[in-house]
Amino acid sequence: MKINEIKTLTPVELNARLKELNMELFNLRFSNASRNLASPVQIRNVKREIARVKTVLREKQLAANGGHDGN
């Protein structure tokens, strides 16, 4: 999923996507441990998408807070 597509999602959708990605990462790591993973690059790609989703979630959280993180 491209960053522009991620930015159009609502926080609820982003959290749902994050949950899906974490589950996918778990399954990929499990497959890798049991030597059934076809391409280890899949793990890196999922981790990068998780980072993108978390970044956009944080941006939206800061925007809703007026740019303050509570500190």
N, C-alpha and C. Protein backbone atom coordinates (compact mmCIF):
# COMPACT_ATOMS: atom_id res chain seq x y z
N MET A 1 0.85 -1.17 0.00
CA MET A 1 0.00 0.00 0.00
C MET A 1 0.90 1.24 0.00
N LYS A 2 0.62 2.17 -0.88
CA LYS A 2 1.41 3.39 -1.00
C LYS A 2 1.08 4.35 0.14
N ILE A 3 2.02 5.25 0.43
CA ILE A 3 1.84 6.20 1.52
C ILE A 3 0.63 7.10 1.27
N ASN A 4 0.37 7.47 0.02
CA ASN A 4 -0.79 8.31 -0.28
C ASN A 4 -2.09 7.60 0.04
N GLU A 5 -2.12 6.29 -0.21
CA GLU A 5 -3.31 5.50 0.12
C GLU A 5 -3.47 5.39 1.63
N ILE A 6 -2.37 5.26 2.33
CA ILE A 6 -2.42 5.14 3.79
C ILE A 6 -2.93 6.43 4.41
N LYS A 7 -2.50 7.57 3.87
CA LYS A 7 -2.90 8.87 4.42
C LYS A 7 -4.39 9.14 4.27
N THR A 8 -5.05 8.48 3.33
CA THR A 8 -6.48 8.71 3.13
C THR A 8 -7.34 7.92 4.11
N LEU A 9 -6.74 6.97 4.84
CA LEU A 9 -7.50 6.14 5.76
C LEU A 9 -7.78 6.89 7.06
N THR A 10 -8.88 6.52 7.71
CA THR A 10 -9.22 7.10 9.01
C THR A 10 -8.39 6.40 10.09
N PRO A 11 -8.29 7.01 11.27
CA PRO A 11 -7.56 6.36 12.36
C PRO A 11 -8.09 4.96 12.70
N VAL A 12 -9.38 4.75 12.62
CA VAL A 12 -9.95 3.43 12.89
C VAL A 12 -9.48 2.43 11.84
N GLU A 13 -9.49 2.85 10.58
CA GLU A 13 -9.03 1.98 9.50
C GLU A 13 -7.52 1.72 9.62
N LEU A 14 -6.78 2.74 10.04
CA LEU A 14 -5.34 2.57 10.21
C LEU A 14 -5.04 1.56 11.31
N ASN A 15 -5.77 1.64 12.41
CA ASN A 15 -5.57 0.68 13.50
C ASN A 15 -5.91 -0.74 13.05
N ALA A 16 -6.96 -0.88 12.26
CA ALA A 16 -7.33 -2.19 11.74
C ALA A 16 -6.24 -2.72 10.80
N ARG A 17 -5.72 -1.85 9.96
CA ARG A 17 -4.65 -2.24 9.03
C ARG A 17 -3.39 -2.63 9.81
N LEU A 18 -3.09 -1.89 10.87
CA LEU A 18 -1.94 -2.19 11.71
C LEU A 18 -2.07 -3.57 12.35
N LYS A 19 -3.28 -3.88 12.80
CA LYS A 19 -3.52 -5.19 13.40
C LYS A 19 -3.31 -6.30 12.36
N GLU A 20 -3.81 -6.08 11.14
CA GLU A 20 -3.63 -7.06 10.06
C GLU A 20 -2.15 -7.27 9.74
N LEU A 21 -1.41 -6.16 9.67
CA LEU A 21 0.01 -6.23 9.33
C LEU A 21 0.80 -6.95 10.42
N ASN A 22 0.47 -6.68 11.68
CA ASN A 22 1.16 -7.37 12.77
C ASN A 22 0.90 -8.87 12.73
N MET A 23 -0.32 -9.24 12.39
CA MET A 23 -0.64 -10.67 12.27
C MET A 23 0.12 -11.29 11.09
N GLU A 24 0.18 -10.55 9.99
CA GLU A 24 0.92 -11.03 8.82
C GLU A 24 2.40 -11.19 9.15
N LEU A 25 2.97 -10.23 9.89
CA LEU A 25 4.37 -10.32 10.29
C LEU A 25 4.60 -11.53 11.18
N PHE A 26 3.69 -11.78 12.10
CA PHE A 26 3.80 -12.95 12.96
C PHE A 26 3.83 -14.23 12.12
N ASN A 27 2.90 -14.33 11.17
CA ASN A 27 2.83 -15.52 10.32
C ASN A 27 4.09 -15.68 9.47
N LEU A 28 4.61 -14.57 8.96
CA LEU A 28 5.84 -14.65 8.16
C LEU A 28 7.02 -15.09 9.01
N ARG A 29 7.10 -14.57 10.23
CA ARG A 29 8.20 -14.98 11.11
C ARG A 29 8.08 -16.46 11.48
N PHE A 30 6.86 -16.91 11.69
CA PHE A 30 6.62 -18.32 12.00
C PHE A 30 7.05 -19.18 10.82
N SER A 31 6.66 -18.77 9.61
CA SER A 31 7.05 -19.51 8.40
C SER A 31 8.56 -19.52 8.23
N ASN A 32 9.19 -18.39 8.54
CA ASN A 32 10.64 -18.30 8.41
C ASN A 32 11.33 -19.24 9.41
N ALA A 33 10.81 -19.32 10.60
CA ALA A 33 11.40 -20.20 11.62
C ALA A 33 11.27 -21.67 11.24
N SER A 34 10.18 -22.00 10.55
CA SER A 34 9.98 -23.39 10.15
C SER A 34 10.52 -23.66 8.74
N ARG A 35 11.28 -22.71 8.22
CA ARG A 35 11.95 -22.84 6.91
C ARG A 35 10.99 -22.99 5.73
N ASN A 36 9.79 -22.41 5.85
CA ASN A 36 8.82 -22.49 4.77
C ASN A 36 8.61 -21.17 4.04
N LEU A 37 9.38 -20.15 4.41
CA LEU A 37 9.21 -18.83 3.81
C LEU A 37 9.90 -18.78 2.46
N ALA A 38 9.15 -18.39 1.43
CA ALA A 38 9.70 -18.35 0.08
C ALA A 38 10.70 -17.22 -0.10
N SER A 39 10.39 -16.04 0.45
CA SER A 39 11.26 -14.89 0.27
C SER A 39 11.34 -14.07 1.56
N PRO A 40 12.50 -13.99 2.16
CA PRO A 40 12.67 -13.21 3.39
C PRO A 40 12.41 -11.71 3.19
N VAL A 41 12.39 -11.27 1.96
CA VAL A 41 12.12 -9.86 1.66
C VAL A 41 10.71 -9.48 2.11
N GLN A 42 9.82 -10.45 2.15
CA GLN A 42 8.43 -10.20 2.57
C GLN A 42 8.40 -9.64 3.98
N ILE A 43 9.25 -10.13 4.86
CA ILE A 43 9.29 -9.65 6.24
C ILE A 43 9.67 -8.18 6.26
N ARG A 44 10.69 -7.82 5.51
CA ARG A 44 11.14 -6.42 5.47
C ARG A 44 10.04 -5.51 4.93
N ASN A 45 9.34 -5.95 3.90
CA ASN A 45 8.28 -5.13 3.31
C ASN A 45 7.13 -4.91 4.30
N VAL A 46 6.75 -5.94 5.03
CA VAL A 46 5.67 -5.81 6.01
C VAL A 46 6.10 -4.88 7.14
N LYS A 47 7.35 -5.00 7.59
CA LYS A 47 7.85 -4.13 8.65
C LYS A 47 7.85 -2.67 8.20
N ARG A 48 8.18 -2.44 6.96
CA ARG A 48 8.18 -1.07 6.43
C ARG A 48 6.76 -0.51 6.36
N GLU A 49 5.82 -1.35 5.96
CA GLU A 49 4.44 -0.87 5.90
C GLU A 49 3.90 -0.59 7.29
N ILE A 50 4.29 -1.41 8.27
CA ILE A 50 3.90 -1.15 9.66
C ILE A 50 4.43 0.22 10.08
N ALA A 51 5.66 0.52 9.75
CA ALA A 51 6.26 1.81 10.09
C ALA A 51 5.50 2.95 9.42
N ARG A 52 5.11 2.77 8.17
CA ARG A 52 4.35 3.81 7.46
C ARG A 52 3.01 4.07 8.15
N VAL A 53 2.31 3.00 8.50
CA VAL A 53 1.01 3.14 9.14
C VAL A 53 1.17 3.83 10.50
N LYS A 54 2.16 3.44 11.26
CA LYS A 54 2.39 4.06 12.57
C LYS A 54 2.74 5.54 12.42
N THR A 55 3.51 5.88 11.40
CA THR A 55 3.88 7.27 11.16
C THR A 55 2.65 8.11 10.84
N VAL A 56 1.79 7.62 9.98
CA VAL A 56 0.59 8.36 9.61
C VAL A 56 -0.36 8.47 10.81
N LEU A 57 -0.47 7.41 11.60
CA LEU A 57 -1.29 7.46 12.81
C LEU A 57 -0.78 8.55 13.75
N ARG A 58 0.51 8.62 13.92
CA ARG A 58 1.10 9.63 14.80
C ARG A 58 0.88 11.03 14.25
N GLU A 59 1.02 11.21 12.94
CA GLU A 59 0.77 12.51 12.32
C GLU A 59 -0.66 12.96 12.56
N LYS A 60 -1.61 12.03 12.39
CA LYS A 60 -3.02 12.36 12.60
C LYS A 60 -3.29 12.67 14.07
N GLN A 61 -2.63 11.94 14.95
CA GLN A 61 -2.79 12.17 16.38
C GLN A 61 -2.27 13.57 16.75
N LEU A 62 -1.13 13.95 16.23
CA LEU A 62 -0.58 15.28 16.50
C LEU A 62 -1.44 16.38 15.90
N ALA A 63 -1.97 16.14 14.71
CA ALA A 63 -2.84 17.13 14.07
C ALA A 63 -4.11 17.34 14.88
N ALA A 64 -4.66 16.27 15.43
CA ALA A 64 -5.87 16.37 16.24
C ALA A 64 -5.59 17.08 17.57
N ASN A 65 -4.35 16.98 18.04
CA ASN A 65 -3.94 17.58 19.29
C ASN A 65 -3.48 19.01 19.11
N GLY A 66 -3.50 19.52 17.90
CA GLY A 66 -3.01 20.86 17.65
C GLY A 66 -1.50 20.93 17.59
N GLY A 67 -0.86 19.81 17.34
CA GLY A 67 0.59 19.79 17.21
C GLY A 67 1.33 19.55 18.50
N HIS A 68 0.58 19.32 19.60
CA HIS A 68 1.21 19.05 20.89
C HIS A 68 1.03 17.60 21.24
N ASP A 69 2.07 17.03 21.81
CA ASP A 69 1.99 15.62 22.18
C ASP A 69 1.72 15.41 23.66
N GLY A 70 1.38 16.47 24.36
CA GLY A 70 1.03 16.33 25.77
C GLY A 70 2.18 16.57 26.72
N ASN A 71 3.36 16.87 26.20
CA ASN A 71 4.51 17.13 27.07
C ASN A 71 4.67 18.59 27.33
